Amino acid sequence: MTDDPLESLRRLCLGLPESTERPSHGEPAWFVRGKKMFVMYADHHHDDRLAFWCAAPPGVQEALSAEAPQRFFRPPYVGHRGWLGVYLDVPQDWAELTEIVTDAYRTVAPKHLLTRLE
């Protein structure tokens, strides 16, 4: 990973099958086939913290936010749908973030694309 969290996140997201990037609400965001968003960069969109928001399987937001509130949170606007907020202005384990981003992709991607994941 690079020292730039946006570039590291971009590399992760665009490495997934048929993912695309385009701005959403003024921030970089990644979509499956240009339709369903699975990750959104959050550079001071709602507060003064650097983060990303992502789709998450049921229960993950609650578990990670309770376990490590300094690293994870319930994001505004999409938190009620189970999305997970991940702070990028604190030390993070990028191997774990790779799993989180891949799970976000799995949450919204069609089943036939999931077979293309290694």
N, C-alpha and C. Protein backbone atom coordinates (compact mmCIF):
# COMPACT_ATOMS: atom_id res chain seq x y z
N MET A 1 0.84 -1.18 0.00
CA MET A 1 0.00 0.00 0.00
C MET A 1 0.89 1.25 0.00
N THR A 2 0.34 2.33 -0.49
CA THR A 2 1.06 3.59 -0.51
C THR A 2 0.82 4.34 0.79
N ASP A 3 1.52 5.46 0.95
CA ASP A 3 1.30 6.30 2.13
C ASP A 3 0.01 7.11 2.00
N ASP A 4 -0.51 7.22 0.79
CA ASP A 4 -1.73 7.97 0.54
C ASP A 4 -2.93 7.03 0.70
N PRO A 5 -3.76 7.23 1.74
CA PRO A 5 -4.88 6.31 1.95
C PRO A 5 -5.85 6.27 0.77
N LEU A 6 -6.04 7.39 0.08
CA LEU A 6 -6.95 7.39 -1.07
C LEU A 6 -6.41 6.48 -2.17
N GLU A 7 -5.12 6.57 -2.46
CA GLU A 7 -4.54 5.72 -3.50
C GLU A 7 -4.58 4.25 -3.11
N SER A 8 -4.34 3.97 -1.85
CA SER A 8 -4.41 2.57 -1.38
C SER A 8 -5.83 2.04 -1.49
N LEU A 9 -6.80 2.84 -1.09
CA LEU A 9 -8.20 2.44 -1.19
C LEU A 9 -8.60 2.27 -2.65
N ARG A 10 -8.19 3.19 -3.49
CA ARG A 10 -8.50 3.12 -4.91
C ARG A 10 -7.96 1.82 -5.51
N ARG A 11 -6.73 1.47 -5.19
CA ARG A 11 -6.12 0.25 -5.71
C ARG A 11 -6.93 -0.98 -5.28
N LEU A 12 -7.34 -1.01 -4.01
CA LEU A 12 -8.15 -2.13 -3.52
C LEU A 12 -9.47 -2.25 -4.28
N CYS A 13 -10.17 -1.13 -4.38
CA CYS A 13 -11.50 -1.15 -5.00
C CYS A 13 -11.44 -1.48 -6.48
N LEU A 14 -10.51 -0.86 -7.19
CA LEU A 14 -10.44 -1.08 -8.63
C LEU A 14 -9.85 -2.44 -8.98
N GLY A 15 -9.29 -3.13 -8.01
CA GLY A 15 -8.79 -4.48 -8.23
C GLY A 15 -9.88 -5.54 -8.21
N LEU A 16 -11.09 -5.15 -7.88
CA LEU A 16 -12.21 -6.08 -7.82
C LEU A 16 -12.92 -6.14 -9.18
N PRO A 17 -13.48 -7.30 -9.54
CA PRO A 17 -14.08 -7.47 -10.86
C PRO A 17 -15.15 -6.42 -11.21
N GLU A 18 -14.96 -5.82 -12.35
CA GLU A 18 -15.92 -4.86 -12.93
C GLU A 18 -16.28 -3.71 -12.00
N SER A 19 -15.30 -3.28 -11.20
CA SER A 19 -15.54 -2.11 -10.35
C SER A 19 -15.15 -0.85 -11.12
N THR A 20 -15.84 0.22 -10.84
CA THR A 20 -15.59 1.51 -11.48
C THR A 20 -15.56 2.60 -10.42
N GLU A 21 -14.96 3.71 -10.78
CA GLU A 21 -14.89 4.85 -9.87
C GLU A 21 -15.53 6.05 -10.51
N ARG A 22 -16.26 6.79 -9.71
CA ARG A 22 -16.78 8.10 -10.13
C ARG A 22 -17.14 8.87 -8.87
N PRO A 23 -17.19 10.18 -8.96
CA PRO A 23 -17.56 10.96 -7.78
C PRO A 23 -19.02 10.75 -7.39
N SER A 24 -19.26 10.77 -6.11
CA SER A 24 -20.61 10.75 -5.57
C SER A 24 -20.62 11.68 -4.37
N HIS A 25 -21.50 12.65 -4.38
CA HIS A 25 -21.57 13.64 -3.31
C HIS A 25 -20.22 14.33 -3.09
N GLY A 26 -19.50 14.55 -4.18
CA GLY A 26 -18.24 15.28 -4.12
C GLY A 26 -17.04 14.48 -3.67
N GLU A 27 -17.19 13.18 -3.49
CA GLU A 27 -16.10 12.32 -3.03
C GLU A 27 -15.91 11.16 -4.01
N PRO A 28 -14.69 10.60 -4.10
CA PRO A 28 -14.51 9.40 -4.90
C PRO A 28 -15.35 8.26 -4.33
N ALA A 29 -15.96 7.49 -5.21
CA ALA A 29 -16.78 6.35 -4.80
C ALA A 29 -16.58 5.23 -5.81
N TRP A 30 -16.78 4.00 -5.35
CA TRP A 30 -16.57 2.83 -6.20
C TRP A 30 -17.86 2.03 -6.28
N PHE A 31 -18.11 1.57 -7.51
CA PHE A 31 -19.36 0.91 -7.86
C PHE A 31 -19.09 -0.42 -8.55
N VAL A 32 -20.03 -1.34 -8.42
CA VAL A 32 -19.99 -2.59 -9.17
C VAL A 32 -20.72 -2.32 -10.48
N ARG A 33 -20.01 -2.51 -11.58
CA ARG A 33 -20.56 -2.26 -12.93
C ARG A 33 -21.16 -0.87 -13.08
N GLY A 34 -20.63 0.09 -12.35
CA GLY A 34 -21.08 1.46 -12.47
C GLY A 34 -22.45 1.72 -11.88
N LYS A 35 -23.02 0.74 -11.18
CA LYS A 35 -24.39 0.88 -10.68
C LYS A 35 -24.49 0.92 -9.15
N LYS A 36 -24.05 -0.13 -8.49
CA LYS A 36 -24.23 -0.23 -7.04
C LYS A 36 -22.95 0.18 -6.32
N MET A 37 -23.05 1.21 -5.50
CA MET A 37 -21.89 1.68 -4.73
C MET A 37 -21.57 0.67 -3.63
N PHE A 38 -20.25 0.41 -3.46
CA PHE A 38 -19.85 -0.44 -2.35
C PHE A 38 -18.87 0.26 -1.41
N VAL A 39 -18.19 1.32 -1.86
CA VAL A 39 -17.29 2.09 -1.01
C VAL A 39 -17.36 3.55 -1.40
N MET A 40 -17.32 4.43 -0.40
CA MET A 40 -17.27 5.87 -0.63
C MET A 40 -16.20 6.48 0.26
N TYR A 41 -15.29 7.21 -0.32
CA TYR A 41 -14.26 7.93 0.41
C TYR A 41 -14.93 9.09 1.14
N ALA A 42 -14.49 9.40 2.33
CA ALA A 42 -15.09 10.47 3.12
C ALA A 42 -13.98 11.37 3.65
N ASP A 43 -13.62 12.35 2.86
CA ASP A 43 -12.56 13.30 3.24
C ASP A 43 -13.22 14.57 3.74
N HIS A 44 -13.58 14.57 5.01
CA HIS A 44 -14.19 15.73 5.65
C HIS A 44 -15.58 16.06 5.10
N HIS A 45 -16.26 15.03 4.60
CA HIS A 45 -17.61 15.25 4.06
C HIS A 45 -18.60 15.62 5.16
N HIS A 46 -18.48 14.96 6.29
CA HIS A 46 -19.45 15.18 7.36
C HIS A 46 -18.81 15.80 8.60
N ASP A 47 -17.52 15.57 8.77
CA ASP A 47 -16.82 16.12 9.93
C ASP A 47 -15.36 16.35 9.54
N ASP A 48 -14.50 16.41 10.50
CA ASP A 48 -13.09 16.69 10.19
C ASP A 48 -12.23 15.43 10.19
N ARG A 49 -12.81 14.27 10.00
CA ARG A 49 -12.09 13.00 10.00
C ARG A 49 -11.95 12.45 8.58
N LEU A 50 -10.86 11.77 8.33
CA LEU A 50 -10.63 11.08 7.06
C LEU A 50 -11.09 9.64 7.23
N ALA A 51 -11.93 9.16 6.32
CA ALA A 51 -12.51 7.83 6.47
C ALA A 51 -13.01 7.31 5.13
N PHE A 52 -13.52 6.10 5.15
CA PHE A 52 -14.36 5.63 4.05
C PHE A 52 -15.56 4.93 4.65
N TRP A 53 -16.63 4.91 3.87
CA TRP A 53 -17.86 4.24 4.25
C TRP A 53 -18.05 3.10 3.28
N CYS A 54 -18.51 1.95 3.77
CA CYS A 54 -18.70 0.82 2.87
C CYS A 54 -19.88 -0.04 3.28
N ALA A 55 -20.42 -0.73 2.27
CA ALA A 55 -21.45 -1.72 2.55
C ALA A 55 -20.84 -2.79 3.44
N ALA A 56 -21.65 -3.41 4.27
CA ALA A 56 -21.13 -4.44 5.18
C ALA A 56 -22.20 -5.51 5.39
N PRO A 57 -21.75 -6.74 5.60
CA PRO A 57 -22.71 -7.80 5.92
C PRO A 57 -23.44 -7.49 7.23
N PRO A 58 -24.60 -8.07 7.43
CA PRO A 58 -25.36 -7.82 8.65
C PRO A 58 -24.54 -8.07 9.91
N GLY A 59 -24.63 -7.14 10.86
CA GLY A 59 -23.98 -7.28 12.15
C GLY A 59 -22.54 -6.79 12.22
N VAL A 60 -21.89 -6.60 11.09
CA VAL A 60 -20.48 -6.20 11.09
C VAL A 60 -20.30 -4.79 11.63
N GLN A 61 -21.16 -3.87 11.20
CA GLN A 61 -21.04 -2.49 11.68
C GLN A 61 -21.10 -2.44 13.20
N GLU A 62 -22.08 -3.11 13.77
CA GLU A 62 -22.27 -3.09 15.21
C GLU A 62 -21.09 -3.73 15.93
N ALA A 63 -20.62 -4.87 15.43
CA ALA A 63 -19.53 -5.59 16.08
C ALA A 63 -18.23 -4.80 16.04
N LEU A 64 -17.84 -4.30 14.87
CA LEU A 64 -16.57 -3.59 14.76
C LEU A 64 -16.62 -2.24 15.48
N SER A 65 -17.74 -1.54 15.39
CA SER A 65 -17.87 -0.24 16.07
C SER A 65 -17.78 -0.40 17.58
N ALA A 66 -18.33 -1.48 18.11
CA ALA A 66 -18.28 -1.72 19.56
C ALA A 66 -16.88 -2.19 19.97
N GLU A 67 -16.26 -3.01 19.13
CA GLU A 67 -14.94 -3.57 19.46
C GLU A 67 -13.82 -2.54 19.36
N ALA A 68 -13.89 -1.66 18.36
CA ALA A 68 -12.80 -0.70 18.14
C ALA A 68 -13.36 0.64 17.67
N PRO A 69 -14.02 1.40 18.56
CA PRO A 69 -14.63 2.66 18.15
C PRO A 69 -13.62 3.72 17.71
N GLN A 70 -12.37 3.55 18.01
CA GLN A 70 -11.35 4.47 17.52
C GLN A 70 -11.01 4.21 16.05
N ARG A 71 -11.44 3.05 15.52
CA ARG A 71 -11.15 2.68 14.13
C ARG A 71 -12.39 2.59 13.25
N PHE A 72 -13.56 2.27 13.86
CA PHE A 72 -14.77 2.02 13.10
C PHE A 72 -15.94 2.80 13.70
N PHE A 73 -16.94 3.12 12.86
CA PHE A 73 -18.09 3.89 13.32
C PHE A 73 -19.29 3.66 12.41
N ARG A 74 -20.42 4.12 12.90
CA ARG A 74 -21.65 4.09 12.09
C ARG A 74 -21.70 5.41 11.32
N PRO A 75 -21.59 5.35 9.99
CA PRO A 75 -21.55 6.59 9.22
C PRO A 75 -22.94 7.24 9.10
N PRO A 76 -22.95 8.56 8.92
CA PRO A 76 -24.23 9.23 8.70
C PRO A 76 -24.82 8.82 7.35
N TYR A 77 -26.08 9.03 7.19
CA TYR A 77 -26.82 8.81 5.94
C TYR A 77 -27.00 7.34 5.58
N VAL A 78 -25.97 6.52 5.67
CA VAL A 78 -26.06 5.11 5.24
C VAL A 78 -25.89 4.14 6.40
N GLY A 79 -25.58 4.64 7.58
CA GLY A 79 -25.39 3.77 8.74
C GLY A 79 -26.62 2.96 9.09
N HIS A 80 -27.79 3.54 8.90
CA HIS A 80 -29.02 2.81 9.22
C HIS A 80 -29.22 1.59 8.31
N ARG A 81 -28.50 1.54 7.18
CA ARG A 81 -28.57 0.40 6.27
C ARG A 81 -27.46 -0.63 6.55
N GLY A 82 -26.73 -0.42 7.65
CA GLY A 82 -25.70 -1.37 8.04
C GLY A 82 -24.31 -1.06 7.51
N TRP A 83 -24.16 0.07 6.79
CA TRP A 83 -22.85 0.42 6.27
C TRP A 83 -21.89 0.69 7.41
N LEU A 84 -20.61 0.44 7.15
CA LEU A 84 -19.55 0.60 8.13
C LEU A 84 -18.70 1.81 7.79
N GLY A 85 -18.36 2.60 8.78
CA GLY A 85 -17.41 3.68 8.61
C GLY A 85 -16.04 3.24 9.12
N VAL A 86 -15.00 3.55 8.36
CA VAL A 86 -13.64 3.15 8.70
C VAL A 86 -12.75 4.40 8.71
N TYR A 87 -12.22 4.75 9.87
CA TYR A 87 -11.33 5.91 9.95
C TYR A 87 -10.00 5.60 9.27
N LEU A 88 -9.51 6.55 8.50
CA LEU A 88 -8.21 6.41 7.84
C LEU A 88 -7.17 7.35 8.43
N ASP A 89 -7.55 8.13 9.44
CA ASP A 89 -6.60 9.03 10.09
C ASP A 89 -6.06 8.45 11.40
N VAL A 90 -6.19 7.14 11.55
CA VAL A 90 -5.61 6.39 12.66
C VAL A 90 -4.88 5.19 12.06
N PRO A 91 -3.95 4.60 12.79
CA PRO A 91 -3.28 3.40 12.24
C PRO A 91 -4.30 2.29 11.95
N GLN A 92 -4.18 1.72 10.77
CA GLN A 92 -5.08 0.65 10.34
C GLN A 92 -4.26 -0.51 9.80
N ASP A 93 -4.81 -1.69 9.87
CA ASP A 93 -4.21 -2.89 9.30
C ASP A 93 -4.78 -3.03 7.89
N TRP A 94 -3.95 -2.77 6.88
CA TRP A 94 -4.44 -2.78 5.50
C TRP A 94 -4.82 -4.18 5.02
N ALA A 95 -4.29 -5.21 5.63
CA ALA A 95 -4.75 -6.57 5.30
C ALA A 95 -6.21 -6.72 5.75
N GLU A 96 -6.53 -6.21 6.94
CA GLU A 96 -7.91 -6.25 7.42
C GLU A 96 -8.80 -5.37 6.55
N LEU A 97 -8.32 -4.19 6.17
CA LEU A 97 -9.12 -3.31 5.32
C LEU A 97 -9.38 -3.94 3.96
N THR A 98 -8.43 -4.71 3.46
CA THR A 98 -8.65 -5.44 2.20
C THR A 98 -9.83 -6.39 2.35
N GLU A 99 -9.90 -7.09 3.46
CA GLU A 99 -11.03 -7.99 3.72
C GLU A 99 -12.34 -7.21 3.83
N ILE A 100 -12.30 -6.07 4.50
CA ILE A 100 -13.51 -5.25 4.67
C ILE A 100 -14.01 -4.75 3.31
N VAL A 101 -13.11 -4.26 2.47
CA VAL A 101 -13.49 -3.77 1.14
C VAL A 101 -14.02 -4.93 0.29
N THR A 102 -13.38 -6.08 0.36
CA THR A 102 -13.84 -7.24 -0.41
C THR A 102 -15.22 -7.68 0.07
N ASP A 103 -15.45 -7.65 1.37
CA ASP A 103 -16.78 -7.98 1.90
C ASP A 103 -17.82 -6.95 1.45
N ALA A 104 -17.42 -5.69 1.37
CA ALA A 104 -18.34 -4.65 0.87
C ALA A 104 -18.75 -4.97 -0.56
N TYR A 105 -17.77 -5.34 -1.36
CA TYR A 105 -18.04 -5.72 -2.75
C TYR A 105 -18.99 -6.92 -2.80
N ARG A 106 -18.69 -7.94 -1.98
CA ARG A 106 -19.53 -9.14 -1.95
C ARG A 106 -20.97 -8.81 -1.56
N THR A 107 -21.13 -7.82 -0.72
CA THR A 107 -22.46 -7.44 -0.23
C THR A 107 -23.37 -6.93 -1.35
N VAL A 108 -22.78 -6.27 -2.36
CA VAL A 108 -23.62 -5.66 -3.40
C VAL A 108 -23.46 -6.29 -4.79
N ALA A 109 -22.41 -7.05 -5.03
CA ALA A 109 -22.15 -7.60 -6.37
C ALA A 109 -23.10 -8.75 -6.71
N PRO A 110 -23.41 -8.89 -8.00
CA PRO A 110 -24.21 -10.05 -8.41
C PRO A 110 -23.42 -11.35 -8.19
N LYS A 111 -24.14 -12.43 -7.95
CA LYS A 111 -23.50 -13.71 -7.61
C LYS A 111 -22.51 -14.17 -8.67
N HIS A 112 -22.80 -13.97 -9.94
CA HIS A 112 -21.89 -14.47 -10.98
C HIS A 112 -20.56 -13.72 -10.97
N LEU A 113 -20.51 -12.49 -10.47
CA LEU A 113 -19.24 -11.78 -10.35
C LEU A 113 -18.43 -12.29 -9.16
N LEU A 114 -19.11 -12.77 -8.15
CA LEU A 114 -18.41 -13.27 -6.97
C LEU A 114 -17.54 -14.48 -7.29
N THR A 115 -17.90 -15.23 -8.30
CA THR A 115 -17.10 -16.39 -8.69
C THR A 115 -15.74 -15.97 -9.24
N ARG A 116 -15.61 -14.69 -9.63
CA ARG A 116 -14.35 -14.19 -10.17
C ARG A 116 -13.38 -13.73 -9.09
N LEU A 117 -13.82 -13.70 -7.85
CA LEU A 117 -12.92 -13.34 -6.75
C LEU A 117 -12.02 -14.54 -6.45
N GLU A 118 -10.79 -14.26 -6.12
CA GLU A 118 -9.86 -15.36 -5.80
C GLU A 118 -10.09 -15.85 -4.40
